[in-house]
Amino acid sequence: YADSVKGRFTISRDNVKNMVYLQMS
């Protein structure tokens, strides 16, 4: 993560669905 979002954003992926997610908190 970039320092500006570390600890607040979480990236994840689902390779079955070809999806990438970004949870922003």
PDBML (XML) file of the C-alpha atoms, coordinates in Angstrom:
<?xml version="1.0" encoding="UTF-8" ?>
<PDBx:datablock datablockName="MODEL"
   xmlns:PDBx="http://pdbml.pdb.org/schema/pdbx-v50.xsd"
   xmlns:xsi="http://www.w3.org/2001/XMLSchema-instance"
   xsi:schemaLocation="http://pdbml.pdb.org/schema/pdbx-v50.xsd pdbx-v50.xsd">
   <PDBx:atom_siteCategory>
      <PDBx:atom_site id="1">
         <PDBx:B_iso_or_equiv>0.00</PDBx:B_iso_or_equiv>
         <PDBx:Cartn_x>0.000</PDBx:Cartn_x>
         <PDBx:Cartn_y>0.000</PDBx:Cartn_y>
         <PDBx:Cartn_z>0.000</PDBx:Cartn_z>
         <PDBx:auth_asym_id>A</PDBx:auth_asym_id>
         <PDBx:auth_atom_id>CA</PDBx:auth_atom_id>
         <PDBx:auth_comp_id>TYR</PDBx:auth_comp_id>
         <PDBx:auth_seq_id>1</PDBx:auth_seq_id>
         <PDBx:group_PDB>ATOM</PDBx:group_PDB>
         <PDBx:label_alt_id xsi:nil="true" />
         <PDBx:label_asym_id>A</PDBx:label_asym_id>
         <PDBx:label_atom_id>CA</PDBx:label_atom_id>
         <PDBx:label_comp_id>TYR</PDBx:label_comp_id>
         <PDBx:label_entity_id>1</PDBx:label_entity_id>
         <PDBx:label_seq_id>1</PDBx:label_seq_id>
         <PDBx:occupancy>1.00</PDBx:occupancy>
         <PDBx:pdbx_PDB_model_num>1</PDBx:pdbx_PDB_model_num>
         <PDBx:type_symbol>C</PDBx:type_symbol>
      </PDBx:atom_site>
      <PDBx:atom_site id="2">
         <PDBx:B_iso_or_equiv>0.00</PDBx:B_iso_or_equiv>
         <PDBx:Cartn_x>0.945</PDBx:Cartn_x>
         <PDBx:Cartn_y>3.609</PDBx:Cartn_y>
         <PDBx:Cartn_z>-0.447</PDBx:Cartn_z>
         <PDBx:auth_asym_id>A</PDBx:auth_asym_id>
         <PDBx:auth_atom_id>CA</PDBx:auth_atom_id>
         <PDBx:auth_comp_id>ALA</PDBx:auth_comp_id>
         <PDBx:auth_seq_id>2</PDBx:auth_seq_id>
         <PDBx:group_PDB>ATOM</PDBx:group_PDB>
         <PDBx:label_alt_id xsi:nil="true" />
         <PDBx:label_asym_id>A</PDBx:label_asym_id>
         <PDBx:label_atom_id>CA</PDBx:label_atom_id>
         <PDBx:label_comp_id>ALA</PDBx:label_comp_id>
         <PDBx:label_entity_id>1</PDBx:label_entity_id>
         <PDBx:label_seq_id>2</PDBx:label_seq_id>
         <PDBx:occupancy>1.00</PDBx:occupancy>
         <PDBx:pdbx_PDB_model_num>1</PDBx:pdbx_PDB_model_num>
         <PDBx:type_symbol>C</PDBx:type_symbol>
      </PDBx:atom_site>
      <PDBx:atom_site id="3">
         <PDBx:B_iso_or_equiv>0.00</PDBx:B_iso_or_equiv>
         <PDBx:Cartn_x>1.782</PDBx:Cartn_x>
         <PDBx:Cartn_y>5.247</PDBx:Cartn_y>
         <PDBx:Cartn_z>2.842</PDBx:Cartn_z>
         <PDBx:auth_asym_id>A</PDBx:auth_asym_id>
         <PDBx:auth_atom_id>CA</PDBx:auth_atom_id>
         <PDBx:auth_comp_id>ASP</PDBx:auth_comp_id>
         <PDBx:auth_seq_id>3</PDBx:auth_seq_id>
         <PDBx:group_PDB>ATOM</PDBx:group_PDB>
         <PDBx:label_alt_id xsi:nil="true" />
         <PDBx:label_asym_id>A</PDBx:label_asym_id>
         <PDBx:label_atom_id>CA</PDBx:label_atom_id>
         <PDBx:label_comp_id>ASP</PDBx:label_comp_id>
         <PDBx:label_entity_id>1</PDBx:label_entity_id>
         <PDBx:label_seq_id>3</PDBx:label_seq_id>
         <PDBx:occupancy>1.00</PDBx:occupancy>
         <PDBx:pdbx_PDB_model_num>1</PDBx:pdbx_PDB_model_num>
         <PDBx:type_symbol>C</PDBx:type_symbol>
      </PDBx:atom_site>
      <PDBx:atom_site id="4">
         <PDBx:B_iso_or_equiv>0.00</PDBx:B_iso_or_equiv>
         <PDBx:Cartn_x>-1.180</PDBx:Cartn_x>
         <PDBx:Cartn_y>7.584</PDBx:Cartn_y>
         <PDBx:Cartn_z>2.482</PDBx:Cartn_z>
         <PDBx:auth_asym_id>A</PDBx:auth_asym_id>
         <PDBx:auth_atom_id>CA</PDBx:auth_atom_id>
         <PDBx:auth_comp_id>SER</PDBx:auth_comp_id>
         <PDBx:auth_seq_id>4</PDBx:auth_seq_id>
         <PDBx:group_PDB>ATOM</PDBx:group_PDB>
         <PDBx:label_alt_id xsi:nil="true" />
         <PDBx:label_asym_id>A</PDBx:label_asym_id>
         <PDBx:label_atom_id>CA</PDBx:label_atom_id>
         <PDBx:label_comp_id>SER</PDBx:label_comp_id>
         <PDBx:label_entity_id>1</PDBx:label_entity_id>
         <PDBx:label_seq_id>4</PDBx:label_seq_id>
         <PDBx:occupancy>1.00</PDBx:occupancy>
         <PDBx:pdbx_PDB_model_num>1</PDBx:pdbx_PDB_model_num>
         <PDBx:type_symbol>C</PDBx:type_symbol>
      </PDBx:atom_site>
      <PDBx:atom_site id="5">
         <PDBx:B_iso_or_equiv>0.00</PDBx:B_iso_or_equiv>
         <PDBx:Cartn_x>-3.695</PDBx:Cartn_x>
         <PDBx:Cartn_y>4.708</PDBx:Cartn_y>
         <PDBx:Cartn_z>2.679</PDBx:Cartn_z>
         <PDBx:auth_asym_id>A</PDBx:auth_asym_id>
         <PDBx:auth_atom_id>CA</PDBx:auth_atom_id>
         <PDBx:auth_comp_id>VAL</PDBx:auth_comp_id>
         <PDBx:auth_seq_id>5</PDBx:auth_seq_id>
         <PDBx:group_PDB>ATOM</PDBx:group_PDB>
         <PDBx:label_alt_id xsi:nil="true" />
         <PDBx:label_asym_id>A</PDBx:label_asym_id>
         <PDBx:label_atom_id>CA</PDBx:label_atom_id>
         <PDBx:label_comp_id>VAL</PDBx:label_comp_id>
         <PDBx:label_entity_id>1</PDBx:label_entity_id>
         <PDBx:label_seq_id>5</PDBx:label_seq_id>
         <PDBx:occupancy>1.00</PDBx:occupancy>
         <PDBx:pdbx_PDB_model_num>1</PDBx:pdbx_PDB_model_num>
         <PDBx:type_symbol>C</PDBx:type_symbol>
      </PDBx:atom_site>
      <PDBx:atom_site id="6">
         <PDBx:B_iso_or_equiv>0.00</PDBx:B_iso_or_equiv>
         <PDBx:Cartn_x>-1.835</PDBx:Cartn_x>
         <PDBx:Cartn_y>2.119</PDBx:Cartn_y>
         <PDBx:Cartn_z>4.737</PDBx:Cartn_z>
         <PDBx:auth_asym_id>A</PDBx:auth_asym_id>
         <PDBx:auth_atom_id>CA</PDBx:auth_atom_id>
         <PDBx:auth_comp_id>LYS</PDBx:auth_comp_id>
         <PDBx:auth_seq_id>6</PDBx:auth_seq_id>
         <PDBx:group_PDB>ATOM</PDBx:group_PDB>
         <PDBx:label_alt_id xsi:nil="true" />
         <PDBx:label_asym_id>A</PDBx:label_asym_id>
         <PDBx:label_atom_id>CA</PDBx:label_atom_id>
         <PDBx:label_comp_id>LYS</PDBx:label_comp_id>
         <PDBx:label_entity_id>1</PDBx:label_entity_id>
         <PDBx:label_seq_id>6</PDBx:label_seq_id>
         <PDBx:occupancy>1.00</PDBx:occupancy>
         <PDBx:pdbx_PDB_model_num>1</PDBx:pdbx_PDB_model_num>
         <PDBx:type_symbol>C</PDBx:type_symbol>
      </PDBx:atom_site>
      <PDBx:atom_site id="7">
         <PDBx:B_iso_or_equiv>0.00</PDBx:B_iso_or_equiv>
         <PDBx:Cartn_x>-3.946</PDBx:Cartn_x>
         <PDBx:Cartn_y>0.878</PDBx:Cartn_y>
         <PDBx:Cartn_z>7.612</PDBx:Cartn_z>
         <PDBx:auth_asym_id>A</PDBx:auth_asym_id>
         <PDBx:auth_atom_id>CA</PDBx:auth_atom_id>
         <PDBx:auth_comp_id>GLY</PDBx:auth_comp_id>
         <PDBx:auth_seq_id>7</PDBx:auth_seq_id>
         <PDBx:group_PDB>ATOM</PDBx:group_PDB>
         <PDBx:label_alt_id xsi:nil="true" />
         <PDBx:label_asym_id>A</PDBx:label_asym_id>
         <PDBx:label_atom_id>CA</PDBx:label_atom_id>
         <PDBx:label_comp_id>GLY</PDBx:label_comp_id>
         <PDBx:label_entity_id>1</PDBx:label_entity_id>
         <PDBx:label_seq_id>7</PDBx:label_seq_id>
         <PDBx:occupancy>1.00</PDBx:occupancy>
         <PDBx:pdbx_PDB_model_num>1</PDBx:pdbx_PDB_model_num>
         <PDBx:type_symbol>C</PDBx:type_symbol>
      </PDBx:atom_site>
      <PDBx:atom_site id="8">
         <PDBx:B_iso_or_equiv>0.00</PDBx:B_iso_or_equiv>
         <PDBx:Cartn_x>-7.141</PDBx:Cartn_x>
         <PDBx:Cartn_y>2.286</PDBx:Cartn_y>
         <PDBx:Cartn_z>6.088</PDBx:Cartn_z>
         <PDBx:auth_asym_id>A</PDBx:auth_asym_id>
         <PDBx:auth_atom_id>CA</PDBx:auth_atom_id>
         <PDBx:auth_comp_id>ARG</PDBx:auth_comp_id>
         <PDBx:auth_seq_id>8</PDBx:auth_seq_id>
         <PDBx:group_PDB>ATOM</PDBx:group_PDB>
         <PDBx:label_alt_id xsi:nil="true" />
         <PDBx:label_asym_id>A</PDBx:label_asym_id>
         <PDBx:label_atom_id>CA</PDBx:label_atom_id>
         <PDBx:label_comp_id>ARG</PDBx:label_comp_id>
         <PDBx:label_entity_id>1</PDBx:label_entity_id>
         <PDBx:label_seq_id>8</PDBx:label_seq_id>
         <PDBx:occupancy>1.00</PDBx:occupancy>
         <PDBx:pdbx_PDB_model_num>1</PDBx:pdbx_PDB_model_num>
         <PDBx:type_symbol>C</PDBx:type_symbol>
      </PDBx:atom_site>
      <PDBx:atom_site id="9">
         <PDBx:B_iso_or_equiv>0.00</PDBx:B_iso_or_equiv>
         <PDBx:Cartn_x>-7.529</PDBx:Cartn_x>
         <PDBx:Cartn_y>0.541</PDBx:Cartn_y>
         <PDBx:Cartn_z>2.723</PDBx:Cartn_z>
         <PDBx:auth_asym_id>A</PDBx:auth_asym_id>
         <PDBx:auth_atom_id>CA</PDBx:auth_atom_id>
         <PDBx:auth_comp_id>PHE</PDBx:auth_comp_id>
         <PDBx:auth_seq_id>9</PDBx:auth_seq_id>
         <PDBx:group_PDB>ATOM</PDBx:group_PDB>
         <PDBx:label_alt_id xsi:nil="true" />
         <PDBx:label_asym_id>A</PDBx:label_asym_id>
         <PDBx:label_atom_id>CA</PDBx:label_atom_id>
         <PDBx:label_comp_id>PHE</PDBx:label_comp_id>
         <PDBx:label_entity_id>1</PDBx:label_entity_id>
         <PDBx:label_seq_id>9</PDBx:label_seq_id>
         <PDBx:occupancy>1.00</PDBx:occupancy>
         <PDBx:pdbx_PDB_model_num>1</PDBx:pdbx_PDB_model_num>
         <PDBx:type_symbol>C</PDBx:type_symbol>
      </PDBx:atom_site>
      <PDBx:atom_site id="10">
         <PDBx:B_iso_or_equiv>0.00</PDBx:B_iso_or_equiv>
         <PDBx:Cartn_x>-7.520</PDBx:Cartn_x>
         <PDBx:Cartn_y>-3.190</PDBx:Cartn_y>
         <PDBx:Cartn_z>1.980</PDBx:Cartn_z>
         <PDBx:auth_asym_id>A</PDBx:auth_asym_id>
         <PDBx:auth_atom_id>CA</PDBx:auth_atom_id>
         <PDBx:auth_comp_id>THR</PDBx:auth_comp_id>
         <PDBx:auth_seq_id>10</PDBx:auth_seq_id>
         <PDBx:group_PDB>ATOM</PDBx:group_PDB>
         <PDBx:label_alt_id xsi:nil="true" />
         <PDBx:label_asym_id>A</PDBx:label_asym_id>
         <PDBx:label_atom_id>CA</PDBx:label_atom_id>
         <PDBx:label_comp_id>THR</PDBx:label_comp_id>
         <PDBx:label_entity_id>1</PDBx:label_entity_id>
         <PDBx:label_seq_id>10</PDBx:label_seq_id>
         <PDBx:occupancy>1.00</PDBx:occupancy>
         <PDBx:pdbx_PDB_model_num>1</PDBx:pdbx_PDB_model_num>
         <PDBx:type_symbol>C</PDBx:type_symbol>
      </PDBx:atom_site>
      <PDBx:atom_site id="11">
         <PDBx:B_iso_or_equiv>0.00</PDBx:B_iso_or_equiv>
         <PDBx:Cartn_x>-7.118</PDBx:Cartn_x>
         <PDBx:Cartn_y>-4.717</PDBx:Cartn_y>
         <PDBx:Cartn_z>-1.464</PDBx:Cartn_z>
         <PDBx:auth_asym_id>A</PDBx:auth_asym_id>
         <PDBx:auth_atom_id>CA</PDBx:auth_atom_id>
         <PDBx:auth_comp_id>ILE</PDBx:auth_comp_id>
         <PDBx:auth_seq_id>11</PDBx:auth_seq_id>
         <PDBx:group_PDB>ATOM</PDBx:group_PDB>
         <PDBx:label_alt_id xsi:nil="true" />
         <PDBx:label_asym_id>A</PDBx:label_asym_id>
         <PDBx:label_atom_id>CA</PDBx:label_atom_id>
         <PDBx:label_comp_id>ILE</PDBx:label_comp_id>
         <PDBx:label_entity_id>1</PDBx:label_entity_id>
         <PDBx:label_seq_id>11</PDBx:label_seq_id>
         <PDBx:occupancy>1.00</PDBx:occupancy>
         <PDBx:pdbx_PDB_model_num>1</PDBx:pdbx_PDB_model_num>
         <PDBx:type_symbol>C</PDBx:type_symbol>
      </PDBx:atom_site>
      <PDBx:atom_site id="12">
         <PDBx:B_iso_or_equiv>0.00</PDBx:B_iso_or_equiv>
         <PDBx:Cartn_x>-8.356</PDBx:Cartn_x>
         <PDBx:Cartn_y>-8.221</PDBx:Cartn_y>
         <PDBx:Cartn_z>-2.218</PDBx:Cartn_z>
         <PDBx:auth_asym_id>A</PDBx:auth_asym_id>
         <PDBx:auth_atom_id>CA</PDBx:auth_atom_id>
         <PDBx:auth_comp_id>SER</PDBx:auth_comp_id>
         <PDBx:auth_seq_id>12</PDBx:auth_seq_id>
         <PDBx:group_PDB>ATOM</PDBx:group_PDB>
         <PDBx:label_alt_id xsi:nil="true" />
         <PDBx:label_asym_id>A</PDBx:label_asym_id>
         <PDBx:label_atom_id>CA</PDBx:label_atom_id>
         <PDBx:label_comp_id>SER</PDBx:label_comp_id>
         <PDBx:label_entity_id>1</PDBx:label_entity_id>
         <PDBx:label_seq_id>12</PDBx:label_seq_id>
         <PDBx:occupancy>1.00</PDBx:occupancy>
         <PDBx:pdbx_PDB_model_num>1</PDBx:pdbx_PDB_model_num>
         <PDBx:type_symbol>C</PDBx:type_symbol>
      </PDBx:atom_site>
      <PDBx:atom_site id="13">
         <PDBx:B_iso_or_equiv>0.00</PDBx:B_iso_or_equiv>
         <PDBx:Cartn_x>-9.115</PDBx:Cartn_x>
         <PDBx:Cartn_y>-10.372</PDBx:Cartn_y>
         <PDBx:Cartn_z>-5.227</PDBx:Cartn_z>
         <PDBx:auth_asym_id>A</PDBx:auth_asym_id>
         <PDBx:auth_atom_id>CA</PDBx:auth_atom_id>
         <PDBx:auth_comp_id>ARG</PDBx:auth_comp_id>
         <PDBx:auth_seq_id>13</PDBx:auth_seq_id>
         <PDBx:group_PDB>ATOM</PDBx:group_PDB>
         <PDBx:label_alt_id xsi:nil="true" />
         <PDBx:label_asym_id>A</PDBx:label_asym_id>
         <PDBx:label_atom_id>CA</PDBx:label_atom_id>
         <PDBx:label_comp_id>ARG</PDBx:label_comp_id>
         <PDBx:label_entity_id>1</PDBx:label_entity_id>
         <PDBx:label_seq_id>13</PDBx:label_seq_id>
         <PDBx:occupancy>1.00</PDBx:occupancy>
         <PDBx:pdbx_PDB_model_num>1</PDBx:pdbx_PDB_model_num>
         <PDBx:type_symbol>C</PDBx:type_symbol>
      </PDBx:atom_site>
      <PDBx:atom_site id="14">
         <PDBx:B_iso_or_equiv>0.00</PDBx:B_iso_or_equiv>
         <PDBx:Cartn_x>-11.344</PDBx:Cartn_x>
         <PDBx:Cartn_y>-13.239</PDBx:Cartn_y>
         <PDBx:Cartn_z>-6.332</PDBx:Cartn_z>
         <PDBx:auth_asym_id>A</PDBx:auth_asym_id>
         <PDBx:auth_atom_id>CA</PDBx:auth_atom_id>
         <PDBx:auth_comp_id>ASP</PDBx:auth_comp_id>
         <PDBx:auth_seq_id>14</PDBx:auth_seq_id>
         <PDBx:group_PDB>ATOM</PDBx:group_PDB>
         <PDBx:label_alt_id xsi:nil="true" />
         <PDBx:label_asym_id>A</PDBx:label_asym_id>
         <PDBx:label_atom_id>CA</PDBx:label_atom_id>
         <PDBx:label_comp_id>ASP</PDBx:label_comp_id>
         <PDBx:label_entity_id>1</PDBx:label_entity_id>
         <PDBx:label_seq_id>14</PDBx:label_seq_id>
         <PDBx:occupancy>1.00</PDBx:occupancy>
         <PDBx:pdbx_PDB_model_num>1</PDBx:pdbx_PDB_model_num>
         <PDBx:type_symbol>C</PDBx:type_symbol>
      </PDBx:atom_site>
      <PDBx:atom_site id="15">
         <PDBx:B_iso_or_equiv>0.00</PDBx:B_iso_or_equiv>
         <PDBx:Cartn_x>-9.653</PDBx:Cartn_x>
         <PDBx:Cartn_y>-15.158</PDBx:Cartn_y>
         <PDBx:Cartn_z>-9.133</PDBx:Cartn_z>
         <PDBx:auth_asym_id>A</PDBx:auth_asym_id>
         <PDBx:auth_atom_id>CA</PDBx:auth_atom_id>
         <PDBx:auth_comp_id>ASN</PDBx:auth_comp_id>
         <PDBx:auth_seq_id>15</PDBx:auth_seq_id>
         <PDBx:group_PDB>ATOM</PDBx:group_PDB>
         <PDBx:label_alt_id xsi:nil="true" />
         <PDBx:label_asym_id>A</PDBx:label_asym_id>
         <PDBx:label_atom_id>CA</PDBx:label_atom_id>
         <PDBx:label_comp_id>ASN</PDBx:label_comp_id>
         <PDBx:label_entity_id>1</PDBx:label_entity_id>
         <PDBx:label_seq_id>15</PDBx:label_seq_id>
         <PDBx:occupancy>1.00</PDBx:occupancy>
         <PDBx:pdbx_PDB_model_num>1</PDBx:pdbx_PDB_model_num>
         <PDBx:type_symbol>C</PDBx:type_symbol>
      </PDBx:atom_site>
      <PDBx:atom_site id="16">
         <PDBx:B_iso_or_equiv>0.00</PDBx:B_iso_or_equiv>
         <PDBx:Cartn_x>-12.756</PDBx:Cartn_x>
         <PDBx:Cartn_y>-17.245</PDBx:Cartn_y>
         <PDBx:Cartn_z>-9.836</PDBx:Cartn_z>
         <PDBx:auth_asym_id>A</PDBx:auth_asym_id>
         <PDBx:auth_atom_id>CA</PDBx:auth_atom_id>
         <PDBx:auth_comp_id>VAL</PDBx:auth_comp_id>
         <PDBx:auth_seq_id>16</PDBx:auth_seq_id>
         <PDBx:group_PDB>ATOM</PDBx:group_PDB>
         <PDBx:label_alt_id xsi:nil="true" />
         <PDBx:label_asym_id>A</PDBx:label_asym_id>
         <PDBx:label_atom_id>CA</PDBx:label_atom_id>
         <PDBx:label_comp_id>VAL</PDBx:label_comp_id>
         <PDBx:label_entity_id>1</PDBx:label_entity_id>
         <PDBx:label_seq_id>16</PDBx:label_seq_id>
         <PDBx:occupancy>1.00</PDBx:occupancy>
         <PDBx:pdbx_PDB_model_num>1</PDBx:pdbx_PDB_model_num>
         <PDBx:type_symbol>C</PDBx:type_symbol>
      </PDBx:atom_site>
      <PDBx:atom_site id="17">
         <PDBx:B_iso_or_equiv>0.00</PDBx:B_iso_or_equiv>
         <PDBx:Cartn_x>-14.812</PDBx:Cartn_x>
         <PDBx:Cartn_y>-14.142</PDBx:Cartn_y>
         <PDBx:Cartn_z>-10.575</PDBx:Cartn_z>
         <PDBx:auth_asym_id>A</PDBx:auth_asym_id>
         <PDBx:auth_atom_id>CA</PDBx:auth_atom_id>
         <PDBx:auth_comp_id>LYS</PDBx:auth_comp_id>
         <PDBx:auth_seq_id>17</PDBx:auth_seq_id>
         <PDBx:group_PDB>ATOM</PDBx:group_PDB>
         <PDBx:label_alt_id xsi:nil="true" />
         <PDBx:label_asym_id>A</PDBx:label_asym_id>
         <PDBx:label_atom_id>CA</PDBx:label_atom_id>
         <PDBx:label_comp_id>LYS</PDBx:label_comp_id>
         <PDBx:label_entity_id>1</PDBx:label_entity_id>
         <PDBx:label_seq_id>17</PDBx:label_seq_id>
         <PDBx:occupancy>1.00</PDBx:occupancy>
         <PDBx:pdbx_PDB_model_num>1</PDBx:pdbx_PDB_model_num>
         <PDBx:type_symbol>C</PDBx:type_symbol>
      </PDBx:atom_site>
      <PDBx:atom_site id="18">
         <PDBx:B_iso_or_equiv>0.00</PDBx:B_iso_or_equiv>
         <PDBx:Cartn_x>-11.947</PDBx:Cartn_x>
         <PDBx:Cartn_y>-12.103</PDBx:Cartn_y>
         <PDBx:Cartn_z>-12.081</PDBx:Cartn_z>
         <PDBx:auth_asym_id>A</PDBx:auth_asym_id>
         <PDBx:auth_atom_id>CA</PDBx:auth_atom_id>
         <PDBx:auth_comp_id>ASN</PDBx:auth_comp_id>
         <PDBx:auth_seq_id>18</PDBx:auth_seq_id>
         <PDBx:group_PDB>ATOM</PDBx:group_PDB>
         <PDBx:label_alt_id xsi:nil="true" />
         <PDBx:label_asym_id>A</PDBx:label_asym_id>
         <PDBx:label_atom_id>CA</PDBx:label_atom_id>
         <PDBx:label_comp_id>ASN</PDBx:label_comp_id>
         <PDBx:label_entity_id>1</PDBx:label_entity_id>
         <PDBx:label_seq_id>18</PDBx:label_seq_id>
         <PDBx:occupancy>1.00</PDBx:occupancy>
         <PDBx:pdbx_PDB_model_num>1</PDBx:pdbx_PDB_model_num>
         <PDBx:type_symbol>C</PDBx:type_symbol>
      </PDBx:atom_site>
      <PDBx:atom_site id="19">
         <PDBx:B_iso_or_equiv>0.00</PDBx:B_iso_or_equiv>
         <PDBx:Cartn_x>-12.622</PDBx:Cartn_x>
         <PDBx:Cartn_y>-9.397</PDBx:Cartn_y>
         <PDBx:Cartn_z>-9.496</PDBx:Cartn_z>
         <PDBx:auth_asym_id>A</PDBx:auth_asym_id>
         <PDBx:auth_atom_id>CA</PDBx:auth_atom_id>
         <PDBx:auth_comp_id>MET</PDBx:auth_comp_id>
         <PDBx:auth_seq_id>19</PDBx:auth_seq_id>
         <PDBx:group_PDB>ATOM</PDBx:group_PDB>
         <PDBx:label_alt_id xsi:nil="true" />
         <PDBx:label_asym_id>A</PDBx:label_asym_id>
         <PDBx:label_atom_id>CA</PDBx:label_atom_id>
         <PDBx:label_comp_id>MET</PDBx:label_comp_id>
         <PDBx:label_entity_id>1</PDBx:label_entity_id>
         <PDBx:label_seq_id>19</PDBx:label_seq_id>
         <PDBx:occupancy>1.00</PDBx:occupancy>
         <PDBx:pdbx_PDB_model_num>1</PDBx:pdbx_PDB_model_num>
         <PDBx:type_symbol>C</PDBx:type_symbol>
      </PDBx:atom_site>
      <PDBx:atom_site id="20">
         <PDBx:B_iso_or_equiv>0.00</PDBx:B_iso_or_equiv>
         <PDBx:Cartn_x>-10.454</PDBx:Cartn_x>
         <PDBx:Cartn_y>-7.003</PDBx:Cartn_y>
         <PDBx:Cartn_z>-7.525</PDBx:Cartn_z>
         <PDBx:auth_asym_id>A</PDBx:auth_asym_id>
         <PDBx:auth_atom_id>CA</PDBx:auth_atom_id>
         <PDBx:auth_comp_id>VAL</PDBx:auth_comp_id>
         <PDBx:auth_seq_id>20</PDBx:auth_seq_id>
         <PDBx:group_PDB>ATOM</PDBx:group_PDB>
         <PDBx:label_alt_id xsi:nil="true" />
         <PDBx:label_asym_id>A</PDBx:label_asym_id>
         <PDBx:label_atom_id>CA</PDBx:label_atom_id>
         <PDBx:label_comp_id>VAL</PDBx:label_comp_id>
         <PDBx:label_entity_id>1</PDBx:label_entity_id>
         <PDBx:label_seq_id>20</PDBx:label_seq_id>
         <PDBx:occupancy>1.00</PDBx:occupancy>
         <PDBx:pdbx_PDB_model_num>1</PDBx:pdbx_PDB_model_num>
         <PDBx:type_symbol>C</PDBx:type_symbol>
      </PDBx:atom_site>
      <PDBx:atom_site id="21">
         <PDBx:B_iso_or_equiv>0.00</PDBx:B_iso_or_equiv>
         <PDBx:Cartn_x>-11.792</PDBx:Cartn_x>
         <PDBx:Cartn_y>-5.070</PDBx:Cartn_y>
         <PDBx:Cartn_z>-4.547</PDBx:Cartn_z>
         <PDBx:auth_asym_id>A</PDBx:auth_asym_id>
         <PDBx:auth_atom_id>CA</PDBx:auth_atom_id>
         <PDBx:auth_comp_id>TYR</PDBx:auth_comp_id>
         <PDBx:auth_seq_id>21</PDBx:auth_seq_id>
         <PDBx:group_PDB>ATOM</PDBx:group_PDB>
         <PDBx:label_alt_id xsi:nil="true" />
         <PDBx:label_asym_id>A</PDBx:label_asym_id>
         <PDBx:label_atom_id>CA</PDBx:label_atom_id>
         <PDBx:label_comp_id>TYR</PDBx:label_comp_id>
         <PDBx:label_entity_id>1</PDBx:label_entity_id>
         <PDBx:label_seq_id>21</PDBx:label_seq_id>
         <PDBx:occupancy>1.00</PDBx:occupancy>
         <PDBx:pdbx_PDB_model_num>1</PDBx:pdbx_PDB_model_num>
         <PDBx:type_symbol>C</PDBx:type_symbol>
      </PDBx:atom_site>
      <PDBx:atom_site id="22">
         <PDBx:B_iso_or_equiv>0.00</PDBx:B_iso_or_equiv>
         <PDBx:Cartn_x>-10.716</PDBx:Cartn_x>
         <PDBx:Cartn_y>-2.066</PDBx:Cartn_y>
         <PDBx:Cartn_z>-2.545</PDBx:Cartn_z>
         <PDBx:auth_asym_id>A</PDBx:auth_asym_id>
         <PDBx:auth_atom_id>CA</PDBx:auth_atom_id>
         <PDBx:auth_comp_id>LEU</PDBx:auth_comp_id>
         <PDBx:auth_seq_id>22</PDBx:auth_seq_id>
         <PDBx:group_PDB>ATOM</PDBx:group_PDB>
         <PDBx:label_alt_id xsi:nil="true" />
         <PDBx:label_asym_id>A</PDBx:label_asym_id>
         <PDBx:label_atom_id>CA</PDBx:label_atom_id>
         <PDBx:label_comp_id>LEU</PDBx:label_comp_id>
         <PDBx:label_entity_id>1</PDBx:label_entity_id>
         <PDBx:label_seq_id>22</PDBx:label_seq_id>
         <PDBx:occupancy>1.00</PDBx:occupancy>
         <PDBx:pdbx_PDB_model_num>1</PDBx:pdbx_PDB_model_num>
         <PDBx:type_symbol>C</PDBx:type_symbol>
      </PDBx:atom_site>
      <PDBx:atom_site id="23">
         <PDBx:B_iso_or_equiv>0.00</PDBx:B_iso_or_equiv>
         <PDBx:Cartn_x>-12.204</PDBx:Cartn_x>
         <PDBx:Cartn_y>-1.709</PDBx:Cartn_y>
         <PDBx:Cartn_z>0.928</PDBx:Cartn_z>
         <PDBx:auth_asym_id>A</PDBx:auth_asym_id>
         <PDBx:auth_atom_id>CA</PDBx:auth_atom_id>
         <PDBx:auth_comp_id>GLN</PDBx:auth_comp_id>
         <PDBx:auth_seq_id>23</PDBx:auth_seq_id>
         <PDBx:group_PDB>ATOM</PDBx:group_PDB>
         <PDBx:label_alt_id xsi:nil="true" />
         <PDBx:label_asym_id>A</PDBx:label_asym_id>
         <PDBx:label_atom_id>CA</PDBx:label_atom_id>
         <PDBx:label_comp_id>GLN</PDBx:label_comp_id>
         <PDBx:label_entity_id>1</PDBx:label_entity_id>
         <PDBx:label_seq_id>23</PDBx:label_seq_id>
         <PDBx:occupancy>1.00</PDBx:occupancy>
         <PDBx:pdbx_PDB_model_num>1</PDBx:pdbx_PDB_model_num>
         <PDBx:type_symbol>C</PDBx:type_symbol>
      </PDBx:atom_site>
      <PDBx:atom_site id="24">
         <PDBx:B_iso_or_equiv>0.00</PDBx:B_iso_or_equiv>
         <PDBx:Cartn_x>-11.818</PDBx:Cartn_x>
         <PDBx:Cartn_y>1.888</PDBx:Cartn_y>
         <PDBx:Cartn_z>2.015</PDBx:Cartn_z>
         <PDBx:auth_asym_id>A</PDBx:auth_asym_id>
         <PDBx:auth_atom_id>CA</PDBx:auth_atom_id>
         <PDBx:auth_comp_id>MET</PDBx:auth_comp_id>
         <PDBx:auth_seq_id>24</PDBx:auth_seq_id>
         <PDBx:group_PDB>ATOM</PDBx:group_PDB>
         <PDBx:label_alt_id xsi:nil="true" />
         <PDBx:label_asym_id>A</PDBx:label_asym_id>
         <PDBx:label_atom_id>CA</PDBx:label_atom_id>
         <PDBx:label_comp_id>MET</PDBx:label_comp_id>
         <PDBx:label_entity_id>1</PDBx:label_entity_id>
         <PDBx:label_seq_id>24</PDBx:label_seq_id>
         <PDBx:occupancy>1.00</PDBx:occupancy>
         <PDBx:pdbx_PDB_model_num>1</PDBx:pdbx_PDB_model_num>
         <PDBx:type_symbol>C</PDBx:type_symbol>
      </PDBx:atom_site>
      <PDBx:atom_site id="25">
         <PDBx:B_iso_or_equiv>0.00</PDBx:B_iso_or_equiv>
         <PDBx:Cartn_x>-12.224</PDBx:Cartn_x>
         <PDBx:Cartn_y>2.734</PDBx:Cartn_y>
         <PDBx:Cartn_z>5.695</PDBx:Cartn_z>
         <PDBx:auth_asym_id>A</PDBx:auth_asym_id>
         <PDBx:auth_atom_id>CA</PDBx:auth_atom_id>
         <PDBx:auth_comp_id>SER</PDBx:auth_comp_id>
         <PDBx:auth_seq_id>25</PDBx:auth_seq_id>
         <PDBx:group_PDB>ATOM</PDBx:group_PDB>
         <PDBx:label_alt_id xsi:nil="true" />
         <PDBx:label_asym_id>A</PDBx:label_asym_id>
         <PDBx:label_atom_id>CA</PDBx:label_atom_id>
         <PDBx:label_comp_id>SER</PDBx:label_comp_id>
         <PDBx:label_entity_id>1</PDBx:label_entity_id>
         <PDBx:label_seq_id>25</PDBx:label_seq_id>
         <PDBx:occupancy>1.00</PDBx:occupancy>
         <PDBx:pdbx_PDB_model_num>1</PDBx:pdbx_PDB_model_num>
         <PDBx:type_symbol>C</PDBx:type_symbol>
      </PDBx:atom_site>
   </PDBx:atom_siteCategory>
</PDBx:datablock>
